[in-house]
Amino acid sequence: MELDYTVIGKNIARRRKKLGLKQAEVEEMADIGQKYLTNIERAVSIPSIEVVMRLAAALDTTPDEFLVGAARHENEEWRSVAELLRKMDGKQLDLARSFLTWLTGQTL
């Protein structure tokens, strides 16, 4: 699956506007740099997984709402996983991404 960063940016903007938040408010909530969100929303900057997770937490949704346009609000288990991921440094996130990639290929 190839990611369309223009669509991702539009999905983030749509969620932010739905909540009535300004870009600066979300940037502060997600602890990202000033003007970074505007660049993400316009597909000028490509957000890392960590930034997508922070934005999802700040906008009270799941990352899949940004990536594929659908949120999973009925199953809130993702929040505990998101909180764990938010505390990780870059090396830990790389390891978590590798594990999750492997796990999605497994039949349980």
PDB file of N, CA and C in Angstrom:
ATOM      1  N   MET A   1       0.832  -1.175   0.000  1.00  0.00           N
ATOM      2  CA  MET A   1       0.000   0.000   0.000  1.00  0.00           C
ATOM      3  C   MET A   1       0.880   1.242   0.000  1.00  0.00           C
ATOM      4  N   GLU A   2       0.677   2.110  -0.942  1.00  0.00           N
ATOM      5  CA  GLU A   2       1.426   3.343  -1.019  1.00  0.00           C
ATOM      6  C   GLU A   2       0.632   4.451  -0.350  1.00  0.00           C
ATOM      7  N   LEU A   3       1.293   5.220   0.507  1.00  0.00           N
ATOM      8  CA  LEU A   3       0.617   6.281   1.235  1.00  0.00           C
ATOM      9  C   LEU A   3       0.525   7.537   0.389  1.00  0.00           C
ATOM     10  N   ASP A   4      -0.638   8.170   0.409  1.00  0.00           N
ATOM     11  CA  ASP A   4      -0.852   9.437  -0.282  1.00  0.00           C
ATOM     12  C   ASP A   4      -0.839  10.531   0.775  1.00  0.00           C
ATOM     13  N   TYR A   5       0.261  11.265   0.876  1.00  0.00           N
ATOM     14  CA  TYR A   5       0.425  12.255   1.934  1.00  0.00           C
ATOM     15  C   TYR A   5      -0.501  13.457   1.767  1.00  0.00           C
ATOM     16  N   THR A   6      -0.977  13.698   0.554  1.00  0.00           N
ATOM     17  CA  THR A   6      -1.969  14.750   0.353  1.00  0.00           C
ATOM     18  C   THR A   6      -3.280  14.358   1.029  1.00  0.00           C
ATOM     19  N   VAL A   7      -3.685  13.105   0.860  1.00  0.00           N
ATOM     20  CA  VAL A   7      -4.909  12.603   1.491  1.00  0.00           C
ATOM     21  C   VAL A   7      -4.739  12.569   3.009  1.00  0.00           C
ATOM     22  N   ILE A   8      -3.592  12.130   3.475  1.00  0.00           N
ATOM     23  CA  ILE A   8      -3.329  12.085   4.921  1.00  0.00           C
ATOM     24  C   ILE A   8      -3.446  13.489   5.508  1.00  0.00           C
ATOM     25  N   GLY A   9      -2.831  14.459   4.866  1.00  0.00           N
ATOM     26  CA  GLY A   9      -2.909  15.845   5.330  1.00  0.00           C
ATOM     27  C   GLY A   9      -4.331  16.359   5.368  1.00  0.00           C
ATOM     28  N   LYS A  10      -5.108  16.034   4.339  1.00  0.00           N
ATOM     29  CA  LYS A  10      -6.516  16.460   4.300  1.00  0.00           C
ATOM     30  C   LYS A  10      -7.325  15.783   5.408  1.00  0.00           C
ATOM     31  N   ASN A  11      -7.037  14.518   5.680  1.00  0.00           N
ATOM     32  CA  ASN A  11      -7.744  13.805   6.750  1.00  0.00           C
ATOM     33  C   ASN A  11      -7.428  14.411   8.116  1.00  0.00           C
ATOM     34  N   ILE A  12      -6.179  14.793   8.318  1.00  0.00           N
ATOM     35  CA  ILE A  12      -5.799  15.432   9.579  1.00  0.00           C
ATOM     36  C   ILE A  12      -6.500  16.781   9.708  1.00  0.00           C
ATOM     37  N   ALA A  13      -6.488  17.561   8.634  1.00  0.00           N
ATOM     38  CA  ALA A  13      -7.147  18.876   8.652  1.00  0.00           C
ATOM     39  C   ALA A  13      -8.646  18.736   8.904  1.00  0.00           C
ATOM     40  N   ARG A  14      -9.258  17.760   8.273  1.00  0.00           N
ATOM     41  CA  ARG A  14     -10.701  17.555   8.443  1.00  0.00           C
ATOM     42  C   ARG A  14     -11.029  17.244   9.904  1.00  0.00           C
ATOM     43  N   ARG A  15     -10.234  16.371  10.524  1.00  0.00           N
ATOM     44  CA  ARG A  15     -10.471  16.019  11.922  1.00  0.00           C
ATOM     45  C   ARG A  15     -10.252  17.236  12.826  1.00  0.00           C
ATOM     46  N   ARG A  16      -9.202  17.990  12.577  1.00  0.00           N
ATOM     47  CA  ARG A  16      -8.896  19.171  13.378  1.00  0.00           C
ATOM     48  C   ARG A  16     -10.045  20.181  13.297  1.00  0.00           C
ATOM     49  N   LYS A  17     -10.517  20.424  12.086  1.00  0.00           N
ATOM     50  CA  LYS A  17     -11.615  21.382  11.886  1.00  0.00           C
ATOM     51  C   LYS A  17     -12.914  20.881  12.510  1.00  0.00           C
ATOM     52  N   LYS A  18     -13.139  19.567  12.444  1.00  0.00           N
ATOM     53  CA  LYS A  18     -14.343  18.985  13.051  1.00  0.00           C
ATOM     54  C   LYS A  18     -14.366  19.259  14.549  1.00  0.00           C
ATOM     55  N   LEU A  19     -13.187  19.266  15.168  1.00  0.00           N
ATOM     56  CA  LEU A  19     -13.082  19.523  16.597  1.00  0.00           C
ATOM     57  C   LEU A  19     -13.002  21.023  16.910  1.00  0.00           C
ATOM     58  N   GLY A  20     -12.963  21.839  15.872  1.00  0.00           N
ATOM     59  CA  GLY A  20     -12.911  23.290  16.067  1.00  0.00           C
ATOM     60  C   GLY A  20     -11.581  23.789  16.613  1.00  0.00           C
ATOM     61  N   LEU A  21     -10.502  23.118  16.262  1.00  0.00           N
ATOM     62  CA  LEU A  21      -9.182  23.480  16.774  1.00  0.00           C
ATOM     63  C   LEU A  21      -8.354  24.206  15.719  1.00  0.00           C
ATOM     64  N   LYS A  22      -7.530  25.114  16.177  1.00  0.00           N
ATOM     65  CA  LYS A  22      -6.583  25.807  15.307  1.00  0.00           C
ATOM     66  C   LYS A  22      -5.309  24.978  15.206  1.00  0.00           C
ATOM     67  N   GLN A  23      -4.572  25.204  14.122  1.00  0.00           N
ATOM     68  CA  GLN A  23      -3.336  24.451  13.929  1.00  0.00           C
ATOM     69  C   GLN A  23      -2.382  24.635  15.100  1.00  0.00           C
ATOM     70  N   ALA A  24      -2.235  25.862  15.583  1.00  0.00           N
ATOM     71  CA  ALA A  24      -1.317  26.133  16.692  1.00  0.00           C
ATOM     72  C   ALA A  24      -1.725  25.367  17.951  1.00  0.00           C
ATOM     73  N   GLU A  25      -3.019  25.224  18.180  1.00  0.00           N
ATOM     74  CA  GLU A  25      -3.490  24.479  19.344  1.00  0.00           C
ATOM     75  C   GLU A  25      -3.095  23.005  19.240  1.00  0.00           C
ATOM     76  N   VAL A  26      -3.279  22.442  18.056  1.00  0.00           N
ATOM     77  CA  VAL A  26      -2.952  21.029  17.855  1.00  0.00           C
ATOM     78  C   VAL A  26      -1.447  20.820  17.929  1.00  0.00           C
ATOM     79  N   GLU A  27      -0.681  21.745  17.372  1.00  0.00           N
ATOM     80  CA  GLU A  27       0.782  21.637  17.441  1.00  0.00           C
ATOM     81  C   GLU A  27       1.248  21.604  18.896  1.00  0.00           C
ATOM     82  N   GLU A  28       0.646  22.437  19.724  1.00  0.00           N
ATOM     83  CA  GLU A  28       1.010  22.449  21.141  1.00  0.00           C
ATOM     84  C   GLU A  28       0.580  21.157  21.825  1.00  0.00           C
ATOM     85  N   MET A  29      -0.626  20.698  21.552  1.00  0.00           N
ATOM     86  CA  MET A  29      -1.135  19.468  22.161  1.00  0.00           C
ATOM     87  C   MET A  29      -0.294  18.255  21.763  1.00  0.00           C
ATOM     88  N   ALA A  30       0.163  18.242  20.508  1.00  0.00           N
ATOM     89  CA  ALA A  30       0.937  17.110  19.991  1.00  0.00           C
ATOM     90  C   ALA A  30       2.441  17.280  20.209  1.00  0.00           C
ATOM     91  N   ASP A  31       2.820  18.433  20.760  1.00  0.00           N
ATOM     92  CA  ASP A  31       4.229  18.733  21.019  1.00  0.00           C
ATOM     93  C   ASP A  31       5.064  18.625  19.741  1.00  0.00           C
ATOM     94  N   ILE A  32       4.566  19.300  18.705  1.00  0.00           N
ATOM     95  CA  ILE A  32       5.324  19.377  17.448  1.00  0.00           C
ATOM     96  C   ILE A  32       5.624  20.845  17.158  1.00  0.00           C
ATOM     97  N   GLY A  33       6.554  21.081  16.282  1.00  0.00           N
ATOM     98  CA  GLY A  33       7.017  22.427  16.002  1.00  0.00           C
ATOM     99  C   GLY A  33       5.973  23.336  15.357  1.00  0.00           C
ATOM    100  N   GLN A  34       6.202  24.632  15.559  1.00  0.00           N
ATOM    101  CA  GLN A  34       5.330  25.648  14.976  1.00  0.00           C
ATOM    102  C   GLN A  34       5.389  25.551  13.447  1.00  0.00           C
ATOM    103  N   LYS A  35       4.245  25.617  12.829  1.00  0.00           N
ATOM    104  CA  LYS A  35       4.067  25.552  11.360  1.00  0.00           C
ATOM    105  C   LYS A  35       4.268  24.152  10.785  1.00  0.00           C
ATOM    106  N   TYR A  36       4.624  23.166  11.627  1.00  0.00           N
ATOM    107  CA  TYR A  36       4.814  21.804  11.122  1.00  0.00           C
ATOM    108  C   TYR A  36       3.478  21.216  10.667  1.00  0.00           C
ATOM    109  N   LEU A  37       2.422  21.484  11.423  1.00  0.00           N
ATOM    110  CA  LEU A  37       1.119  20.930  11.069  1.00  0.00           C
ATOM    111  C   LEU A  37       0.633  21.481   9.731  1.00  0.00           C
ATOM    112  N   THR A  38       0.823  22.757   9.488  1.00  0.00           N
ATOM    113  CA  THR A  38       0.399  23.312   8.198  1.00  0.00           C
ATOM    114  C   THR A  38       1.138  22.631   7.051  1.00  0.00           C
ATOM    115  N   ASN A  39       2.415  22.317   7.267  1.00  0.00           N
ATOM    116  CA  ASN A  39       3.183  21.622   6.227  1.00  0.00           C
ATOM    117  C   ASN A  39       2.705  20.189   6.039  1.00  0.00           C
ATOM    118  N   ILE A  40       2.302  19.537   7.116  1.00  0.00           N
ATOM    119  CA  ILE A  40       1.763  18.175   7.012  1.00  0.00           C
ATOM    120  C   ILE A  40       0.429  18.213   6.274  1.00  0.00           C
ATOM    121  N   GLU A  41      -0.432  19.152   6.658  1.00  0.00           N
ATOM    122  CA  GLU A  41      -1.755  19.241   6.048  1.00  0.00           C
ATOM    123  C   GLU A  41      -1.678  19.574   4.556  1.00  0.00           C
ATOM    124  N   ARG A  42      -0.628  20.270   4.138  1.00  0.00           N
ATOM    125  CA  ARG A  42      -0.455  20.607   2.719  1.00  0.00           C
ATOM    126  C   ARG A  42       0.465  19.624   1.991  1.00  0.00           C
ATOM    127  N   ALA A  43       0.873  18.549   2.682  1.00  0.00           N
ATOM    128  CA  ALA A  43       1.750  17.507   2.129  1.00  0.00           C
ATOM    129  C   ALA A  43       3.120  18.049   1.719  1.00  0.00           C
ATOM    130  N   VAL A  44       3.553  19.113   2.386  1.00  0.00           N
ATOM    131  CA  VAL A  44       4.899  19.637   2.172  1.00  0.00           C
ATOM    132  C   VAL A  44       5.890  18.838   3.012  1.00  0.00           C
ATOM    133  N   SER A  45       5.447  18.426   4.207  1.00  0.00           N
ATOM    134  CA  SER A  45       6.264  17.606   5.100  1.00  0.00           C
ATOM    135  C   SER A  45       5.608  16.242   5.273  1.00  0.00           C
ATOM    136  N   ILE A  46       6.429  15.218   5.395  1.00  0.00           N
ATOM    137  CA  ILE A  46       5.938  13.859   5.619  1.00  0.00           C
ATOM    138  C   ILE A  46       6.141  13.535   7.094  1.00  0.00           C
ATOM    139  N   PRO A  47       5.046  13.286   7.829  1.00  0.00           N
ATOM    140  CA  PRO A  47       5.176  13.028   9.262  1.00  0.00           C
ATOM    141  C   PRO A  47       5.714  11.628   9.548  1.00  0.00           C
ATOM    142  N   SER A  48       6.467  11.519  10.627  1.00  0.00           N
ATOM    143  CA  SER A  48       6.935  10.207  11.082  1.00  0.00           C
ATOM    144  C   SER A  48       5.771   9.482  11.744  1.00  0.00           C
ATOM    145  N   ILE A  49       5.956   8.209  12.015  1.00  0.00           N
ATOM    146  CA  ILE A  49       4.932   7.434  12.720  1.00  0.00           C
ATOM    147  C   ILE A  49       4.679   8.048  14.089  1.00  0.00           C
ATOM    148  N   GLU A  50       5.738   8.486  14.740  1.00  0.00           N
ATOM    149  CA  GLU A  50       5.592   9.100  16.059  1.00  0.00           C
ATOM    150  C   GLU A  50       4.705  10.343  15.985  1.00  0.00           C
ATOM    151  N   VAL A  51       4.913  11.176  14.984  1.00  0.00           N
ATOM    152  CA  VAL A  51       4.107  12.393  14.844  1.00  0.00           C
ATOM    153  C   VAL A  51       2.661  12.045  14.522  1.00  0.00           C
ATOM    154  N   VAL A  52       2.443  11.050  13.679  1.00  0.00           N
ATOM    155  CA  VAL A  52       1.068  10.614  13.381  1.00  0.00           C
ATOM    156  C   VAL A  52       0.386  10.143  14.661  1.00  0.00           C
ATOM    157  N   MET A  53       1.115   9.406  15.500  1.00  0.00           N
ATOM    158  CA  MET A  53       0.555   8.937  16.773  1.00  0.00           C
ATOM    159  C   MET A  53       0.236  10.104  17.696  1.00  0.00           C
ATOM    160  N   ARG A  54       1.126  11.078  17.758  1.00  0.00           N
ATOM    161  CA  ARG A  54       0.876  12.257  18.597  1.00  0.00           C
ATOM    162  C   ARG A  54      -0.338  13.036  18.107  1.00  0.00           C
ATOM    163  N   LEU A  55      -0.440  13.196  16.806  1.00  0.00           N
ATOM    164  CA  LEU A  55      -1.588  13.914  16.245  1.00  0.00           C
ATOM    165  C   LEU A  55      -2.883  13.159  16.512  1.00  0.00           C
ATOM    166  N   ALA A  56      -2.844  11.848  16.380  1.00  0.00           N
ATOM    167  CA  ALA A  56      -4.040  11.050  16.648  1.00  0.00           C
ATOM    168  C   ALA A  56      -4.474  11.209  18.100  1.00  0.00           C
ATOM    169  N   ALA A  57      -3.514  11.183  19.018  1.00  0.00           N
ATOM    170  CA  ALA A  57      -3.852  11.355  20.434  1.00  0.00           C
ATOM    171  C   ALA A  57      -4.393  12.765  20.686  1.00  0.00           C
ATOM    172  N   ALA A  58      -3.762  13.773  20.102  1.00  0.00           N
ATOM    173  CA  ALA A  58      -4.201  15.160  20.291  1.00  0.00           C
ATOM    174  C   ALA A  58      -5.595  15.390  19.726  1.00  0.00           C
ATOM    175  N   LEU A  59      -5.909  14.703  18.632  1.00  0.00           N
ATOM    176  CA  LEU A  59      -7.208  14.881  17.972  1.00  0.00           C
ATOM    177  C   LEU A  59      -8.198  13.790  18.358  1.00  0.00           C
ATOM    178  N   ASP A  60      -7.870  13.033  19.394  1.00  0.00           N
ATOM    179  CA  ASP A  60      -8.751  12.014  19.963  1.00  0.00           C
ATOM    180  C   ASP A  60      -9.317  11.062  18.907  1.00  0.00           C
ATOM    181  N   THR A  61      -8.405  10.475  18.160  1.00  0.00           N
ATOM    182  CA  THR A  61      -8.804   9.521  17.131  1.00  0.00           C
ATOM    183  C   THR A  61      -7.714   8.478  16.981  1.00  0.00           C
ATOM    184  N   THR A  62      -7.855   7.639  15.988  1.00  0.00           N
ATOM    185  CA  THR A  62      -6.843   6.623  15.706  1.00  0.00           C
ATOM    186  C   THR A  62      -6.055   7.027  14.460  1.00  0.00           C
ATOM    187  N   PRO A  63      -4.815   6.566  14.352  1.00  0.00           N
ATOM    188  CA  PRO A  63      -4.013   6.901  13.181  1.00  0.00           C
ATOM    189  C   PRO A  63      -4.672   6.466  11.865  1.00  0.00           C
ATOM    190  N   ASP A  64      -5.468   5.391  11.899  1.00  0.00           N
ATOM    191  CA  ASP A  64      -6.077   4.937  10.647  1.00  0.00           C
ATOM    192  C   ASP A  64      -7.080   5.944  10.095  1.00  0.00           C
ATOM    193  N   GLU A  65      -7.604   6.840  10.918  1.00  0.00           N
ATOM    194  CA  GLU A  65      -8.477   7.886  10.376  1.00  0.00           C
ATOM    195  C   GLU A  65      -7.681   8.786   9.437  1.00  0.00           C
ATOM    196  N   PHE A  66      -6.419   9.033   9.751  1.00  0.00           N
ATOM    197  CA  PHE A  66      -5.566   9.849   8.891  1.00  0.00           C
ATOM    198  C   PHE A  66      -5.078   9.060   7.684  1.00  0.00           C
ATOM    199  N   LEU A  67      -4.698   7.806   7.922  1.00  0.00           N
ATOM    200  CA  LEU A  67      -4.072   7.014   6.869  1.00  0.00           C
ATOM    201  C   LEU A  67      -5.059   6.483   5.839  1.00  0.00           C
ATOM    202  N   VAL A  68      -6.239   6.039   6.309  1.00  0.00           N
ATOM    203  CA  VAL A  68      -7.214   5.467   5.368  1.00  0.00           C
ATOM    204  C   VAL A  68      -8.596   6.105   5.479  1.00  0.00           C
ATOM    205  N   GLY A  69      -8.731   7.089   6.360  1.00  0.00           N
ATOM    206  CA  GLY A  69      -9.991   7.816   6.457  1.00  0.00           C
ATOM    207  C   GLY A  69     -11.055   7.163   7.316  1.00  0.00           C
ATOM    208  N   ALA A  70     -10.689   6.179   8.139  1.00  0.00           N
ATOM    209  CA  ALA A  70     -11.668   5.499   8.989  1.00  0.00           C
ATOM    210  C   ALA A  70     -11.103   5.362  10.398  1.00  0.00           C
ATOM    211  N   ALA A  71     -11.878   5.774  11.369  1.00  0.00           N
ATOM    212  CA  ALA A  71     -11.449   5.670  12.762  1.00  0.00           C
ATOM    213  C   ALA A  71     -12.142   4.497  13.433  1.00  0.00           C
ATOM    214  N   ARG A  72     -11.489   3.952  14.419  1.00  0.00           N
ATOM    215  CA  ARG A  72     -12.070   2.851  15.188  1.00  0.00           C
ATOM    216  C   ARG A  72     -12.372   3.341  16.597  1.00  0.00           C
ATOM    217  N   HIS A  73     -13.533   3.916  16.771  1.00  0.00           N
ATOM    218  CA  HIS A  73     -13.887   4.418  18.088  1.00  0.00           C
ATOM    219  C   HIS A  73     -14.592   3.372  18.929  1.00  0.00           C
ATOM    220  N   GLU A  74     -15.134   2.350  18.311  1.00  0.00           N
ATOM    221  CA  GLU A  74     -15.865   1.352  19.080  1.00  0.00           C
ATOM    222  C   GLU A  74     -14.941   0.468  19.902  1.00  0.00           C
ATOM    223  N   ASN A  75     -13.696   0.339  19.504  1.00  0.00           N
ATOM    224  CA  ASN A  75     -12.733  -0.486  20.225  1.00  0.00           C
ATOM    225  C   ASN A  75     -11.601   0.413  20.700  1.00  0.00           C
ATOM    226  N   GLU A  76     -11.611   0.767  21.949  1.00  0.00           N
ATOM    227  CA  GLU A  76     -10.660   1.745  22.479  1.00  0.00           C
ATOM    228  C   GLU A  76      -9.327   1.128  22.917  1.00  0.00           C
ATOM    229  N   GLU A  77      -9.098  -0.139  22.619  1.00  0.00           N
ATOM    230  CA  GLU A  77      -7.845  -0.790  23.012  1.00  0.00           C
ATOM    231  C   GLU A  77      -6.631  -0.117  22.393  1.00  0.00           C
ATOM    232  N   TRP A  78      -6.793   0.537  21.248  1.00  0.00           N
ATOM    233  CA  TRP A  78      -5.674   1.193  20.584  1.00  0.00           C
ATOM    234  C   TRP A  78      -5.056   2.266  21.458  1.00  0.00           C
ATOM    235  N   ARG A  79      -5.835   2.874  22.358  1.00  0.00           N
ATOM    236  CA  ARG A  79      -5.311   3.968  23.187  1.00  0.00           C
ATOM    237  C   ARG A  79      -4.149   3.498  24.071  1.00  0.00           C
ATOM    238  N   SER A  80      -4.275   2.339  24.667  1.00  0.00           N
ATOM    239  CA  SER A  80      -3.197   1.865  25.538  1.00  0.00           C
ATOM    240  C   SER A  80      -1.941   1.578  24.716  1.00  0.00           C
ATOM    241  N   VAL A  81      -2.120   1.061  23.520  1.00  0.00           N
ATOM    242  CA  VAL A  81      -0.974   0.816  22.635  1.00  0.00           C
ATOM    243  C   VAL A  81      -0.367   2.141  22.189  1.00  0.00           C
ATOM    244  N   ALA A  82      -1.208   3.096  21.847  1.00  0.00           N
ATOM    245  CA  ALA A  82      -0.724   4.416  21.420  1.00  0.00           C
ATOM    246  C   ALA A  82       0.082   5.079  22.534  1.00  0.00           C
ATOM    247  N   GLU A  83      -0.390   4.961  23.755  1.00  0.00           N
ATOM    248  CA  GLU A  83       0.332   5.553  24.882  1.00  0.00           C
ATOM    249  C   GLU A  83       1.708   4.916  25.054  1.00  0.00           C
ATOM    250  N   LEU A  84       1.791   3.611  24.869  1.00  0.00           N
ATOM    251  CA  LEU A  84       3.090   2.946  24.947  1.00  0.00           C
ATOM    252  C   LEU A  84       4.022   3.441  23.840  1.00  0.00           C
ATOM    253  N   LEU A  85       3.492   3.568  22.630  1.00  0.00           N
ATOM    254  CA  LEU A  85       4.309   4.018  21.507  1.00  0.00           C
ATOM    255  C   LEU A  85       4.777   5.459  21.689  1.00  0.00           C
ATOM    256  N   ARG A  86       3.955   6.282  22.264  1.00  0.00           N
ATOM    257  CA  ARG A  86       4.303   7.695  22.464  1.00  0.00           C
ATOM    258  C   ARG A  86       5.521   7.858  23.362  1.00  0.00           C
ATOM    259  N   LYS A  87       5.764   6.912  24.256  1.00  0.00           N
ATOM    260  CA  LYS A  87       6.873   7.002  25.209  1.00  0.00           C
ATOM    261  C   LYS A  87       8.189   6.484  24.633  1.00  0.00           C
ATOM    262  N   MET A  88       8.153   5.926  23.429  1.00  0.00           N
ATOM    263  CA  MET A  88       9.335   5.284  22.862  1.00  0.00           C
ATOM    264  C   MET A  88      10.223   6.280  22.126  1.00  0.00           C
ATOM    265  N   ASP A  89      11.528   5.966  22.138  1.00  0.00           N
ATOM    266  CA  ASP A  89      12.459   6.758  21.340  1.00  0.00           C
ATOM    267  C   ASP A  89      12.514   6.176  19.923  1.00  0.00           C
ATOM    268  N   GLY A  90      13.317   6.750  19.081  1.00  0.00           N
ATOM    269  CA  GLY A  90      13.376   6.332  17.678  1.00  0.00           C
ATOM    270  C   GLY A  90      13.734   4.871  17.473  1.00  0.00           C
ATOM    271  N   LYS A  91      14.706   4.369  18.221  1.00  0.00           N
ATOM    272  CA  LYS A  91      15.123   2.970  18.079  1.00  0.00           C
ATOM    273  C   LYS A  91      14.011   2.021  18.526  1.00  0.00           C
ATOM    274  N   GLN A  92      13.354   2.380  19.610  1.00  0.00           N
ATOM    275  CA  GLN A  92      12.253   1.546  20.096  1.00  0.00           C
ATOM    276  C   GLN A  92      11.095   1.545  19.098  1.00  0.00           C
ATOM    277  N   LEU A  93      10.817   2.696  18.499  1.00  0.00           N
ATOM    278  CA  LEU A  93       9.739   2.760  17.505  1.00  0.00           C
ATOM    279  C   LEU A  93      10.072   1.916  16.279  1.00  0.00           C
ATOM    280  N   ASP A  94      11.336   1.929  15.864  1.00  0.00           N
ATOM    281  CA  ASP A  94      11.749   1.087  14.737  1.00  0.00           C
ATOM    282  C   ASP A  94      11.531  -0.391  15.055  1.00  0.00           C
ATOM    283  N   LEU A  95      11.899  -0.788  16.268  1.00  0.00           N
ATOM    284  CA  LEU A  95      11.718  -2.174  16.684  1.00  0.00           C
ATOM    285  C   LEU A  95      10.223  -2.523  16.756  1.00  0.00           C
ATOM    286  N   ALA A  96       9.422  -1.612  17.314  1.00  0.00           N
ATOM    287  CA  ALA A  96       7.972  -1.841  17.399  1.00  0.00           C
ATOM    288  C   ALA A  96       7.364  -1.958  16.004  1.00  0.00           C
ATOM    289  N   ARG A  97       7.788  -1.112  15.078  1.00  0.00           N
ATOM    290  CA  ARG A  97       7.291  -1.162  13.703  1.00  0.00           C
ATOM    291  C   ARG A  97       7.649  -2.498  13.057  1.00  0.00           C
ATOM    292  N   SER A  98       8.874  -2.957  13.272  1.00  0.00           N
ATOM    293  CA  SER A  98       9.294  -4.248  12.718  1.00  0.00           C
ATOM    294  C   SER A  98       8.454  -5.384  13.282  1.00  0.00           C
ATOM    295  N   PHE A  99       8.233  -5.348  14.599  1.00  0.00           N
ATOM    296  CA  PHE A  99       7.426  -6.393  15.229  1.00  0.00           C
ATOM    297  C   PHE A  99       5.991  -6.363  14.709  1.00  0.00           C
ATOM    298  N   LEU A 100       5.405  -5.182  14.625  1.00  0.00           N
ATOM    299  CA  LEU A 100       4.021  -5.077  14.151  1.00  0.00           C
ATOM    300  C   LEU A 100       3.890  -5.511  12.694  1.00  0.00           C
ATOM    301  N   THR A 101       4.892  -5.207  11.899  1.00  0.00           N
ATOM    302  CA  THR A 101       4.890  -5.655  10.504  1.00  0.00           C
ATOM    303  C   THR A 101       4.924  -7.178  10.452  1.00  0.00           C
ATOM    304  N   TRP A 102       5.800  -7.768  11.261  1.00  0.00           N
ATOM    305  CA  TRP A 102       5.859  -9.235  11.328  1.00  0.00           C
ATOM    306  C   TRP A 102       4.544  -9.793  11.826  1.00  0.00           C
ATOM    307  N   LEU A 103       3.982  -9.225  12.890  1.00  0.00           N
ATOM    308  CA  LEU A 103       2.772  -9.723  13.515  1.00  0.00           C
ATOM    309  C   LEU A 103       1.576  -9.697  12.554  1.00  0.00           C
ATOM    310  N   THR A 104       1.474  -8.662  11.738  1.00  0.00           N
ATOM    311  CA  THR A 104       0.352  -8.577  10.808  1.00  0.00           C
ATOM    312  C   THR A 104       0.383  -9.689   9.747  1.00  0.00           C
ATOM    313  N   GLY A 105       1.546 -10.274   9.542  1.00  0.00           N
ATOM    314  CA  GLY A 105       1.662 -11.372   8.582  1.00  0.00           C
ATOM    315  C   GLY A 105       1.394 -12.736   9.179  1.00  0.00           C
ATOM    316  N   GLN A 106       1.166 -12.796  10.478  1.00  0.00           N
ATOM    317  CA  GLN A 106       0.955 -14.071  11.159  1.00  0.00           C
ATOM    318  C   GLN A 106      -0.530 -14.433  11.210  1.00  0.00           C
ATOM    319  N   THR A 107      -0.805 -15.709  11.160  1.00  0.00           N
ATOM    320  CA  THR A 107      -2.189 -16.172  11.365  1.00  0.00           C
ATOM    321  C   THR A 107      -2.249 -16.746  12.774  1.00  0.00           C
ATOM    322  N   LEU A 108      -3.151 -16.198  13.548  1.00  0.00           N
ATOM    323  CA  LEU A 108      -3.253 -16.612  14.963  1.00  0.00           C
ATOM    324  C   LEU A 108      -4.455 -17.486  15.189  1.00  0.00           C
TER     325      LEU A 108
END
